[in-house]
N, C-alpha and C. Protein backbone atom coordinates (compact mmCIF):
# COMPACT_ATOMS: atom_id res chain seq x y z
N MET A 1 231.38 -53.52 104.41
CA MET A 1 232.84 -53.55 103.36
C MET A 1 233.53 -52.73 103.41
N THR A 2 234.71 -52.91 102.98
CA THR A 2 236.29 -52.51 103.29
C THR A 2 237.26 -52.51 101.50
N ASP A 3 237.18 -51.55 101.69
CA ASP A 3 237.71 -50.79 99.83
C ASP A 3 239.11 -50.08 100.35
N SER A 4 240.08 -50.54 100.42
CA SER A 4 241.49 -50.17 100.87
C SER A 4 242.46 -49.32 100.17
N LYS A 5 241.84 -49.26 98.44
CA LYS A 5 242.50 -48.23 98.05
C LYS A 5 241.32 -46.51 97.99
N HIS A 6 240.44 -47.03 98.25
CA HIS A 6 239.78 -44.98 98.89
C HIS A 6 239.63 -44.92 100.31
N LYS A 7 239.97 -44.07 100.22
CA LYS A 7 239.04 -43.85 102.25
C LYS A 7 238.13 -42.50 102.24
N ALA A 8 237.37 -42.27 100.34
CA ALA A 8 235.96 -41.74 100.25
C ALA A 8 235.29 -41.81 99.10
N TRP A 9 234.68 -41.90 99.73
CA TRP A 9 233.34 -42.30 98.42
C TRP A 9 232.77 -41.04 98.38
N LEU A 10 232.40 -40.57 97.00
CA LEU A 10 231.71 -39.75 96.84
C LEU A 10 230.38 -39.76 96.32
N PHE A 11 228.99 -39.34 96.53
CA PHE A 11 227.98 -40.40 95.83
C PHE A 11 227.56 -39.04 95.36
N ASP A 12 226.17 -39.35 93.89
CA ASP A 12 225.80 -38.27 93.47
C ASP A 12 224.80 -38.72 94.00
N LEU A 13 223.59 -38.44 94.24
CA LEU A 13 221.90 -38.56 94.73
C LEU A 13 221.01 -39.02 93.62
N ASP A 14 220.86 -38.16 92.19
CA ASP A 14 219.78 -38.35 91.92
C ASP A 14 219.84 -39.28 90.63
N GLY A 15 219.27 -40.43 90.72
CA GLY A 15 219.37 -41.84 90.08
C GLY A 15 220.34 -42.92 90.85
N THR A 16 221.23 -42.30 91.40
CA THR A 16 222.24 -43.04 92.44
C THR A 16 221.76 -44.37 93.39
N LEU A 17 221.02 -42.77 94.40
CA LEU A 17 220.91 -43.58 95.64
C LEU A 17 219.12 -43.88 95.46
N TYR A 18 218.14 -43.24 94.01
CA TYR A 18 217.32 -43.83 93.74
C TYR A 18 217.37 -44.63 92.78
N SER A 19 216.08 -44.65 92.46
CA SER A 19 215.84 -45.55 90.46
C SER A 19 214.47 -44.20 90.10
N PRO A 20 215.43 -43.94 88.86
CA PRO A 20 214.58 -42.42 88.76
C PRO A 20 213.58 -43.34 87.50
N THR A 21 213.67 -43.71 86.99
CA THR A 21 212.20 -44.08 86.04
C THR A 21 211.25 -44.61 86.72
N PRO A 22 210.86 -44.98 88.15
CA PRO A 22 209.60 -45.15 88.65
C PRO A 22 209.00 -43.63 88.69
N VAL A 23 210.16 -42.43 89.48
CA VAL A 23 209.92 -41.38 90.25
C VAL A 23 209.13 -40.42 88.72
N LYS A 24 210.07 -40.57 87.98
CA LYS A 24 209.40 -39.67 87.22
C LYS A 24 207.82 -40.51 86.54
N LEU A 25 208.14 -41.64 86.39
CA LEU A 25 206.84 -42.09 85.96
C LEU A 25 205.50 -41.41 86.50
N PHE A 26 204.95 -41.50 88.19
CA PHE A 26 204.28 -41.22 89.24
C PHE A 26 204.60 -39.83 89.32
N MET A 27 205.29 -39.02 89.00
CA MET A 27 204.96 -37.60 89.17
C MET A 27 204.45 -37.09 87.93
N ALA A 28 204.49 -37.74 86.49
CA ALA A 28 204.16 -37.55 85.31
C ALA A 28 202.91 -37.63 85.32
N GLY A 29 202.38 -38.91 86.16
CA GLY A 29 200.85 -38.47 86.46
C GLY A 29 200.51 -37.81 87.27
N GLU A 30 200.94 -36.95 88.49
CA GLU A 30 200.50 -36.14 89.04
C GLU A 30 200.60 -34.79 88.99
N LEU A 31 201.68 -34.46 87.82
CA LEU A 31 201.49 -33.37 87.21
C LEU A 31 200.04 -33.44 85.90
N LEU A 32 199.47 -34.36 85.79
CA LEU A 32 198.50 -34.25 84.56
C LEU A 32 197.47 -34.37 85.44
N LEU A 33 197.45 -35.02 86.85
CA LEU A 33 195.93 -34.45 87.08
C LEU A 33 196.35 -33.29 88.34
N GLY A 34 196.83 -33.01 88.71
CA GLY A 34 197.26 -31.62 89.15
C GLY A 34 198.31 -30.30 88.87
N GLY A 35 199.04 -30.96 87.99
CA GLY A 35 200.15 -29.99 87.70
C GLY A 35 200.49 -29.12 85.76
N LEU A 36 199.41 -29.92 85.79
CA LEU A 36 199.69 -29.85 83.79
C LEU A 36 199.55 -28.59 83.87
N GLY A 37 199.44 -27.01 84.05
CA GLY A 37 199.86 -25.87 83.64
C GLY A 37 201.10 -25.94 84.22
N GLN A 38 202.29 -26.27 84.87
CA GLN A 38 203.17 -26.09 85.50
C GLN A 38 204.25 -27.13 84.33
N LEU A 39 203.77 -27.79 83.38
CA LEU A 39 204.31 -28.28 82.86
C LEU A 39 205.65 -27.42 82.07
N GLY A 40 205.45 -26.66 81.52
CA GLY A 40 205.66 -25.49 80.74
C GLY A 40 206.97 -24.70 81.66
N SER A 41 206.97 -24.54 82.43
CA SER A 41 207.93 -24.45 83.39
C SER A 41 209.15 -25.35 83.86
N ILE A 42 208.35 -26.52 84.24
CA ILE A 42 209.48 -27.74 84.40
C ILE A 42 210.50 -27.32 83.09
N ARG A 43 209.72 -28.04 82.08
CA ARG A 43 210.51 -28.11 81.14
C ARG A 43 211.18 -26.69 80.72
N ALA A 44 211.02 -25.62 80.61
CA ALA A 44 211.61 -25.11 80.67
C ALA A 44 213.17 -24.65 81.85
N PHE A 45 213.09 -24.85 82.71
CA PHE A 45 213.71 -25.03 83.45
C PHE A 45 215.12 -26.35 83.57
N ARG A 46 214.53 -27.80 83.24
CA ARG A 46 215.09 -28.19 83.14
C ARG A 46 215.94 -28.19 81.68
N GLU A 47 215.43 -27.34 80.61
CA GLU A 47 216.21 -26.88 79.28
C GLU A 47 217.41 -25.54 79.86
N GLU A 48 217.51 -24.87 80.34
CA GLU A 48 218.20 -24.33 81.31
C GLU A 48 219.44 -24.72 82.24
N HIS A 49 218.90 -26.21 83.14
CA HIS A 49 219.74 -26.49 83.81
C HIS A 49 220.73 -27.54 82.52
N GLU A 50 220.92 -28.07 81.73
CA GLU A 50 221.97 -28.20 80.53
C GLU A 50 222.23 -27.13 79.59
N ALA A 51 221.66 -26.00 79.93
CA ALA A 51 222.58 -25.00 78.85
C ALA A 51 224.27 -24.74 79.53
N LEU A 52 223.47 -24.48 81.35
CA LEU A 52 223.96 -24.40 82.47
C LEU A 52 225.71 -25.73 83.07
N ARG A 53 224.93 -27.03 82.83
CA ARG A 53 226.27 -27.74 82.16
C ARG A 53 227.30 -27.58 82.05
N SER A 54 226.67 -27.06 79.91
CA SER A 54 228.04 -26.97 78.94
C SER A 54 228.35 -25.82 79.34
N SER A 55 228.17 -24.89 80.24
CA SER A 55 228.53 -23.58 80.26
C SER A 55 230.27 -23.82 81.75
N ALA A 56 230.93 -23.02 81.00
CA ALA A 56 232.82 -23.40 82.30
C ALA A 56 232.42 -22.00 82.94
N GLU A 57 231.87 -21.14 82.97
CA GLU A 57 231.85 -20.31 83.74
C GLU A 57 230.71 -20.63 85.11
N VAL A 58 231.72 -19.37 85.92
CA VAL A 58 231.21 -19.60 87.51
C VAL A 58 230.08 -18.83 87.92
N TRP A 59 228.48 -19.95 88.10
CA TRP A 59 227.61 -18.76 88.73
C TRP A 59 227.67 -18.47 90.65
N SER A 60 227.79 -17.47 90.52
CA SER A 60 226.98 -17.21 91.91
C SER A 60 225.99 -16.45 91.92
N PRO A 61 225.24 -16.19 93.48
CA PRO A 61 225.54 -17.33 94.82
C PRO A 61 225.55 -18.88 94.21
N SER A 62 224.95 -19.57 92.95
CA SER A 62 224.83 -21.03 92.66
C SER A 62 224.12 -20.72 91.07
N PRO A 63 223.81 -22.14 90.75
CA PRO A 63 224.03 -22.03 88.97
C PRO A 63 222.10 -22.52 89.45
N TYR A 64 222.05 -23.01 90.59
CA TYR A 64 220.40 -23.30 91.35
C TYR A 64 219.45 -21.45 90.17
N GLN A 65 220.33 -20.23 91.50
CA GLN A 65 219.73 -19.01 91.46
C GLN A 65 219.93 -18.94 89.77
N GLU A 66 220.75 -19.11 89.31
CA GLU A 66 220.46 -18.84 87.37
C GLU A 66 220.26 -19.31 87.41
N GLN A 67 219.61 -20.63 87.59
CA GLN A 67 219.13 -21.62 86.24
C GLN A 67 216.53 -20.81 86.49
N ILE A 68 216.92 -20.83 87.70
CA ILE A 68 215.74 -19.92 88.51
C ILE A 68 215.42 -18.30 87.26
N SER A 69 216.22 -17.64 87.50
CA SER A 69 216.18 -16.03 87.30
C SER A 69 216.08 -16.47 85.34
N ARG A 70 216.90 -17.56 85.30
CA ARG A 70 216.56 -17.66 83.33
C ARG A 70 215.19 -17.95 83.03
N THR A 71 215.24 -18.98 84.24
CA THR A 71 213.62 -19.34 83.36
C THR A 71 213.11 -18.52 83.96
N ALA A 72 212.69 -17.78 84.86
CA ALA A 72 211.72 -16.78 84.93
C ALA A 72 211.60 -15.23 84.64
N THR A 73 212.90 -14.88 83.70
CA THR A 73 213.15 -14.15 82.34
C THR A 73 212.38 -15.03 81.19
N LYS A 74 212.71 -16.05 80.60
CA LYS A 74 212.03 -16.41 79.64
C LYS A 74 210.54 -16.64 79.19
N LEU A 75 210.19 -17.42 80.32
CA LEU A 75 208.59 -17.25 80.46
C LEU A 75 207.97 -16.04 81.15
N ASN A 76 208.71 -14.93 81.59
CA ASN A 76 208.07 -13.77 81.93
C ASN A 76 207.36 -13.94 83.30
N ARG A 77 207.25 -14.41 84.48
CA ARG A 77 207.50 -14.85 85.77
C ARG A 77 208.01 -14.58 86.83
N ASP A 78 207.81 -14.28 87.37
CA ASP A 78 208.06 -13.43 89.18
C ASP A 78 209.14 -14.84 89.36
N PRO A 79 210.50 -14.56 89.84
CA PRO A 79 211.56 -15.20 90.20
C PRO A 79 210.90 -16.51 90.88
N ASP A 80 210.73 -15.76 92.07
CA ASP A 80 210.20 -16.01 94.32
C ASP A 80 209.33 -17.17 92.95
N GLU A 81 207.88 -16.72 92.41
CA GLU A 81 206.78 -18.22 92.44
C GLU A 81 207.33 -18.89 91.50
N LEU A 82 207.95 -18.78 90.80
CA LEU A 82 208.63 -19.64 90.53
C LEU A 82 209.69 -20.11 90.64
N ALA A 83 209.89 -20.04 91.37
CA ALA A 83 210.93 -20.90 92.70
C ALA A 83 210.14 -21.80 93.45
N SER A 84 209.19 -21.06 93.88
CA SER A 84 208.28 -21.83 95.11
C SER A 84 207.68 -22.75 93.65
N THR A 85 207.62 -23.24 92.22
CA THR A 85 206.64 -23.33 91.39
C THR A 85 207.19 -25.27 92.07
N ILE A 86 209.01 -24.71 91.44
CA ILE A 86 209.81 -25.55 91.19
C ILE A 86 210.23 -26.50 92.66
N LYS A 87 210.51 -26.10 93.54
CA LYS A 87 210.64 -26.26 94.94
C LYS A 87 209.35 -27.61 95.20
N LYS A 88 208.57 -27.27 94.70
CA LYS A 88 206.79 -28.28 94.46
C LYS A 88 207.15 -29.14 94.21
N TRP A 89 206.70 -29.20 92.91
CA TRP A 89 207.49 -30.53 91.96
C TRP A 89 208.32 -30.79 91.58
N MET A 90 209.77 -29.93 92.03
CA MET A 90 210.55 -31.08 91.68
C MET A 90 211.20 -31.46 92.71
N GLN A 91 210.72 -30.93 94.42
CA GLN A 91 211.75 -31.42 95.56
C GLN A 91 210.72 -32.23 96.61
N ASP A 92 209.81 -31.18 96.77
CA ASP A 92 209.11 -31.84 97.76
C ASP A 92 208.17 -33.18 97.09
N ARG A 93 206.74 -32.71 96.32
CA ARG A 93 206.34 -33.69 95.76
C ARG A 93 206.82 -34.97 95.50
N PRO A 94 207.85 -35.26 94.96
CA PRO A 94 208.68 -36.42 94.72
C PRO A 94 209.42 -37.26 96.11
N ARG A 95 209.40 -36.95 96.76
CA ARG A 95 209.95 -37.16 98.17
C ARG A 95 209.21 -38.45 98.42
N LYS A 96 208.19 -39.11 98.48
CA LYS A 96 207.24 -40.06 98.43
C LYS A 96 207.91 -41.27 97.85
N TRP A 97 207.83 -40.57 97.28
CA TRP A 97 208.13 -42.12 95.20
C TRP A 97 209.97 -42.27 95.49
N ILE A 98 210.71 -41.11 96.09
CA ILE A 98 212.09 -41.01 95.55
C ILE A 98 212.12 -42.45 97.59
N ARG A 99 211.38 -41.93 97.96
CA ARG A 99 211.52 -43.61 99.45
C ARG A 99 211.38 -44.38 98.94
N LEU A 100 210.53 -44.36 98.34
CA LEU A 100 209.51 -45.78 97.90
C LEU A 100 210.88 -46.46 97.00
N PHE A 101 211.36 -46.06 96.11
CA PHE A 101 212.26 -46.83 95.26
C PHE A 101 213.66 -46.33 95.15
N ALA A 102 214.46 -46.60 96.87
CA ALA A 102 215.70 -46.13 97.04
C ALA A 102 216.07 -47.39 96.49
N ARG A 103 217.02 -46.76 96.50
CA ARG A 103 218.33 -48.07 96.17
C ARG A 103 219.04 -49.13 97.68
N LYS A 104 218.34 -49.40 97.75
CA LYS A 104 218.44 -50.32 99.14
C LYS A 104 219.66 -50.57 99.27
N ASN A 105 220.16 -51.89 98.42
CA ASN A 105 221.66 -52.21 97.97
C ASN A 105 222.37 -51.13 98.18
N ILE A 106 222.81 -49.89 97.61
CA ILE A 106 223.48 -48.50 97.75
C ILE A 106 223.53 -48.40 98.54
N ILE A 107 222.52 -48.07 98.97
CA ILE A 107 222.45 -47.73 101.21
C ILE A 107 223.00 -48.46 102.25
N ARG A 108 222.63 -50.04 101.79
CA ARG A 108 223.67 -50.62 102.56
C ARG A 108 225.03 -50.91 102.62
N GLU A 109 225.53 -51.07 101.04
CA GLU A 109 226.74 -50.51 100.99
C GLU A 109 227.31 -49.18 101.69
N LEU A 110 226.31 -47.93 101.24
CA LEU A 110 226.72 -46.85 102.37
C LEU A 110 227.85 -47.32 103.29
N ARG A 111 226.38 -47.68 104.21
CA ARG A 111 226.36 -47.88 105.17
C ARG A 111 227.62 -49.29 106.03
N ALA A 112 227.90 -50.05 105.38
CA ALA A 112 229.01 -50.88 105.91
C ALA A 112 230.28 -50.16 105.31
N TYR A 113 230.41 -49.23 104.30
CA TYR A 113 231.73 -48.74 103.95
C TYR A 113 232.01 -47.27 105.62
N ARG A 114 230.66 -46.99 105.68
CA ARG A 114 231.25 -45.98 107.23
C ARG A 114 231.56 -46.74 108.06
N GLN A 115 230.82 -48.21 108.25
CA GLN A 115 231.37 -49.05 109.77
C GLN A 115 232.70 -48.92 109.49
N ALA A 116 232.95 -49.06 108.03
CA ALA A 116 234.60 -49.81 108.35
C ALA A 116 235.57 -48.72 108.70
N GLY A 117 235.06 -47.41 108.31
CA GLY A 117 235.91 -46.43 108.72
C GLY A 117 235.53 -45.59 107.85
N GLY A 118 234.75 -45.50 106.80
CA GLY A 118 235.17 -45.00 104.74
C GLY A 118 234.56 -43.70 105.81
N LYS A 119 234.89 -42.67 105.10
CA LYS A 119 234.25 -41.63 104.62
C LYS A 119 233.58 -41.60 103.56
N THR A 120 232.30 -40.63 103.79
CA THR A 120 231.33 -40.37 102.74
C THR A 120 230.81 -39.33 102.36
N ALA A 121 230.85 -38.15 101.31
CA ALA A 121 229.84 -37.27 100.56
C ALA A 121 228.96 -37.42 99.59
N LEU A 122 228.06 -36.26 99.46
CA LEU A 122 226.72 -36.65 98.26
C LEU A 122 227.48 -35.11 97.41
N VAL A 123 227.18 -35.24 96.59
CA VAL A 123 227.50 -34.51 95.52
C VAL A 123 226.38 -34.47 94.61
N SER A 124 225.44 -33.11 94.57
CA SER A 124 224.22 -32.48 93.89
C SER A 124 224.22 -31.79 93.12
N ASP A 125 224.19 -31.66 91.73
CA ASP A 125 223.45 -30.67 90.86
C ASP A 125 221.87 -30.10 91.07
N TYR A 126 221.32 -30.68 92.48
CA TYR A 126 220.04 -30.21 92.90
C TYR A 126 220.21 -29.62 93.78
N PRO A 127 219.58 -29.24 94.66
CA PRO A 127 219.43 -29.35 95.92
C PRO A 127 218.87 -30.51 97.08
N ALA A 128 219.16 -30.92 97.86
CA ALA A 128 219.44 -32.31 98.17
C ALA A 128 218.34 -33.06 99.43
N SER A 129 219.22 -32.18 100.82
CA SER A 129 218.62 -31.68 101.80
C SER A 129 217.36 -32.28 102.11
N GLY A 130 216.09 -32.23 100.90
CA GLY A 130 214.80 -33.23 101.88
C GLY A 130 214.99 -33.76 100.67
N LYS A 131 215.52 -34.34 100.05
CA LYS A 131 215.52 -35.53 99.16
C LYS A 131 216.00 -36.70 100.61
N LEU A 132 217.07 -36.48 100.67
CA LEU A 132 218.38 -37.21 101.68
C LEU A 132 216.88 -37.67 103.32
N LYS A 133 216.68 -36.56 103.64
CA LYS A 133 215.94 -36.74 104.94
C LYS A 133 214.53 -37.34 104.55
N ALA A 134 213.99 -37.94 103.08
CA ALA A 134 213.09 -38.68 102.46
C ALA A 134 213.65 -39.82 102.06
N LEU A 135 214.71 -40.28 101.96
CA LEU A 135 215.32 -41.82 101.33
C LEU A 135 215.95 -41.62 103.09
N GLY A 136 215.69 -40.94 104.50
CA GLY A 136 216.57 -41.17 105.57
C GLY A 136 217.80 -41.70 105.75
N ILE A 137 218.94 -40.87 105.08
CA ILE A 137 220.30 -40.89 104.92
C ILE A 137 221.01 -39.41 105.08
N GLU A 138 219.59 -38.58 105.31
CA GLU A 138 220.17 -36.77 105.68
C GLU A 138 221.48 -37.34 106.96
N SER A 139 222.02 -38.34 108.16
CA SER A 139 223.26 -38.45 108.92
C SER A 139 224.01 -39.87 108.24
N ASP A 140 224.02 -39.89 107.08
CA ASP A 140 224.71 -40.65 106.62
C ASP A 140 226.37 -40.34 105.40
N PHE A 141 226.17 -38.61 105.82
CA PHE A 141 227.41 -38.27 105.14
C PHE A 141 227.91 -37.17 105.62
N ASP A 142 229.74 -37.33 105.63
CA ASP A 142 230.20 -36.67 106.25
C ASP A 142 230.43 -35.48 105.86
N ALA A 143 229.73 -34.57 104.52
CA ALA A 143 229.80 -34.00 103.40
C ALA A 143 228.58 -33.94 102.83
N VAL A 144 228.22 -32.91 102.71
CA VAL A 144 226.76 -32.74 101.42
C VAL A 144 227.69 -31.41 100.78
N ILE A 145 227.49 -32.11 99.65
CA ILE A 145 228.02 -30.42 98.79
C ILE A 145 226.78 -30.33 97.90
N SER A 146 225.54 -29.59 97.58
CA SER A 146 224.51 -29.59 96.87
C SER A 146 224.22 -28.04 96.10
N ASN A 147 224.28 -27.84 94.78
CA ASN A 147 223.29 -27.06 93.91
C ASN A 147 222.15 -26.27 94.81
N GLY A 148 222.42 -25.03 94.67
CA GLY A 148 221.19 -24.36 95.81
C GLY A 148 221.26 -24.27 96.99
N GLU A 149 222.06 -25.00 97.36
CA GLU A 149 221.87 -24.97 99.20
C GLU A 149 223.75 -24.61 99.75
N PRO A 150 223.55 -23.97 101.14
CA PRO A 150 224.63 -23.42 101.76
C PRO A 150 226.15 -24.21 101.25
N GLY A 151 227.09 -23.69 100.73
CA GLY A 151 228.40 -24.49 100.10
C GLY A 151 228.25 -25.48 99.51
N GLY A 152 227.56 -24.95 98.25
CA GLY A 152 227.31 -25.80 97.12
C GLY A 152 228.44 -25.78 95.97
N PRO A 153 228.13 -25.89 94.47
CA PRO A 153 229.45 -25.68 93.91
C PRO A 153 228.57 -24.64 92.92
N GLN A 154 229.50 -24.02 92.71
CA GLN A 154 229.30 -22.81 91.20
C GLN A 154 229.05 -23.01 89.58
N ARG A 155 229.24 -24.54 89.67
CA ARG A 155 229.69 -25.09 88.44
C ARG A 155 229.18 -26.47 88.64
N LEU A 156 228.30 -27.44 87.19
CA LEU A 156 227.48 -28.26 87.26
C LEU A 156 228.77 -29.36 86.53
N LYS A 157 228.44 -29.88 87.05
CA LYS A 157 229.68 -31.74 86.58
C LYS A 157 228.31 -31.08 84.82
N PRO A 158 229.52 -31.58 83.83
CA PRO A 158 230.40 -32.78 84.19
C PRO A 158 231.81 -32.00 84.89
N TYR A 159 231.60 -31.02 84.83
CA TYR A 159 233.03 -29.86 85.99
C TYR A 159 233.39 -30.06 87.64
N PRO A 160 234.39 -30.26 87.69
CA PRO A 160 235.13 -30.91 88.88
C PRO A 160 234.26 -31.17 90.07
N ASP A 161 233.88 -29.53 90.21
CA ASP A 161 234.31 -28.49 91.05
C ASP A 161 233.55 -29.23 92.57
N GLY A 162 232.56 -29.26 92.44
CA GLY A 162 231.69 -30.31 93.60
C GLY A 162 231.95 -31.67 94.33
N TYR A 163 232.58 -32.14 93.28
CA TYR A 163 233.75 -33.13 94.18
C TYR A 163 235.17 -33.01 94.60
N LEU A 164 235.41 -31.89 94.04
CA LEU A 164 236.60 -31.94 94.12
C LEU A 164 236.41 -30.89 96.03
N ALA A 165 235.22 -30.23 95.95
CA ALA A 165 235.31 -29.31 97.45
C ALA A 165 234.26 -30.57 98.61
N ALA A 166 234.45 -31.37 98.46
CA ALA A 166 234.13 -32.69 98.61
C ALA A 166 235.49 -33.02 99.21
N ALA A 167 235.95 -33.82 98.78
CA ALA A 167 237.32 -34.46 98.99
C ALA A 167 238.40 -33.45 99.95
N GLU A 168 238.53 -32.09 99.63
CA GLU A 168 238.90 -31.16 100.45
C GLU A 168 238.20 -31.01 101.65
N THR A 169 236.78 -31.01 101.68
CA THR A 169 235.86 -30.83 103.30
C THR A 169 236.11 -32.43 103.54
N LEU A 170 236.63 -33.15 103.43
CA LEU A 170 236.94 -34.55 104.15
C LEU A 170 238.72 -34.55 104.35
N GLY A 171 238.95 -33.88 103.57
CA GLY A 171 240.15 -33.73 103.47
C GLY A 171 240.97 -34.74 103.18
N PHE A 172 241.09 -35.16 102.10
CA PHE A 172 241.20 -36.39 101.62
C PHE A 172 241.55 -35.55 99.72
N GLN A 173 242.78 -36.43 98.96
CA GLN A 173 243.89 -35.55 97.95
C GLN A 173 242.54 -36.61 97.42
N PRO A 174 242.11 -35.78 95.72
CA PRO A 174 241.81 -36.83 94.79
C PRO A 174 241.23 -37.98 94.75
N GLN A 175 242.86 -38.42 93.91
CA GLN A 175 242.97 -39.80 94.03
C GLN A 175 242.94 -40.75 95.66
N GLU A 176 242.57 -39.93 96.47
CA GLU A 176 242.39 -41.35 97.57
C GLU A 176 240.61 -41.17 97.01
N CYS A 177 239.71 -40.78 96.23
CA CYS A 177 238.31 -40.70 96.98
C CYS A 177 237.74 -41.49 95.36
N LEU A 178 236.35 -42.06 95.49
CA LEU A 178 236.02 -42.57 94.24
C LEU A 178 234.59 -42.56 94.70
N VAL A 179 234.40 -42.20 92.91
CA VAL A 179 232.74 -41.01 92.79
C VAL A 179 231.98 -42.46 92.62
N ILE A 180 230.49 -42.14 93.21
CA ILE A 180 229.58 -43.37 92.37
C ILE A 180 228.39 -42.52 91.74
N GLY A 181 228.17 -42.88 90.26
CA GLY A 181 226.90 -42.14 90.27
C GLY A 181 226.46 -42.65 88.92
N ASP A 182 225.69 -42.13 88.15
CA ASP A 182 224.77 -43.27 87.26
C ASP A 182 224.54 -42.83 85.92
N ARG A 183 225.96 -41.08 85.56
CA ARG A 183 225.89 -40.86 84.18
C ARG A 183 227.02 -40.52 84.00
N GLU A 184 227.37 -40.89 83.10
CA GLU A 184 228.61 -41.44 82.60
C GLU A 184 229.36 -39.99 82.28
N ASP A 185 228.23 -39.38 81.80
CA ASP A 185 228.90 -37.93 80.99
C ASP A 185 228.66 -36.90 82.42
N ALA A 186 228.02 -37.21 83.15
CA ALA A 186 227.92 -36.04 84.39
C ALA A 186 228.81 -36.50 85.38
N ASP A 187 228.81 -37.58 85.93
CA ASP A 187 229.64 -38.04 87.38
C ASP A 187 230.66 -38.95 86.82
N GLY A 188 230.50 -39.10 86.06
CA GLY A 188 231.89 -40.20 85.15
C GLY A 188 233.13 -38.57 84.56
N LEU A 189 232.73 -38.32 84.03
CA LEU A 189 233.35 -36.89 83.24
C LEU A 189 233.79 -36.12 84.21
N ALA A 190 232.91 -35.86 84.96
CA ALA A 190 233.46 -35.08 86.61
C ALA A 190 235.02 -35.94 87.26
N ALA A 191 234.23 -36.82 86.98
CA ALA A 191 235.20 -37.39 88.46
C ALA A 191 237.27 -37.49 87.43
N LYS A 192 236.67 -37.71 86.13
CA LYS A 192 237.94 -37.85 85.55
C LYS A 192 238.53 -36.84 85.65
N SER A 193 237.86 -35.41 85.35
CA SER A 193 238.38 -34.32 85.95
C SER A 193 238.97 -33.56 86.69
N ALA A 194 238.74 -34.66 88.10
CA ALA A 194 238.87 -34.86 89.44
C ALA A 194 240.53 -34.91 89.69
N GLY A 195 240.42 -36.54 88.66
CA GLY A 195 241.67 -37.26 89.38
C GLY A 195 241.31 -38.69 90.41
N MET A 196 240.09 -39.28 90.44
CA MET A 196 239.08 -39.67 90.66
C MET A 196 238.78 -40.70 90.15
N ASP A 197 238.68 -42.00 90.89
CA ASP A 197 238.31 -43.20 90.19
C ASP A 197 236.60 -42.99 89.56
N PHE A 198 236.10 -43.62 89.32
CA PHE A 198 234.43 -43.91 89.24
C PHE A 198 234.14 -45.10 89.25
N ARG A 199 232.70 -45.31 89.47
CA ARG A 199 232.03 -46.20 89.41
C ARG A 199 230.55 -45.98 88.91
N LEU A 200 230.07 -46.37 87.71
CA LEU A 200 228.93 -46.18 87.65
C LEU A 200 227.59 -46.65 88.05
N VAL A 201 226.67 -46.49 88.48
CA VAL A 201 225.25 -47.39 89.30
C VAL A 201 224.63 -48.45 88.15
């Protein structure tokens, strides 16, 4: 696949490289069967994510750690114990479903673009390495910028930090990059703020 306008494609992960609805349905079933007691923690963690998304503050070491800290304080839980729970139910256990519901057409496009000489990066508001491994595409990106992992952004989308960091890492100007994501209110606004084109999945 050729794209004469863009030298780099910058991908979102969740909802872009796999279909989110069936993954959420299967995970809801798993939670009902074996993790009902963790529903409150997961819900509170997601609420803190949305709160951080609307904040312009820069979080160090990462928004992910701030999210864990805030949720642990709200629920009066040990932060390390909470982090382990979140990792289990939001990163590890969904992998088998993520693999099953990969957007194969998007992944084929990604690989064809790379084969034609294009550069690619992954920009995620959550830790990405395990999910990329589950999808079998961890080697298909020249850069990975993911919240909660080394080199990740210090603000969440719709702030453009992650996409700008990806462009800089790849050595391109923002206008040379295309953002590919599933949310106009997150990826789309971040792309616009960064001065990049946007493609909605």
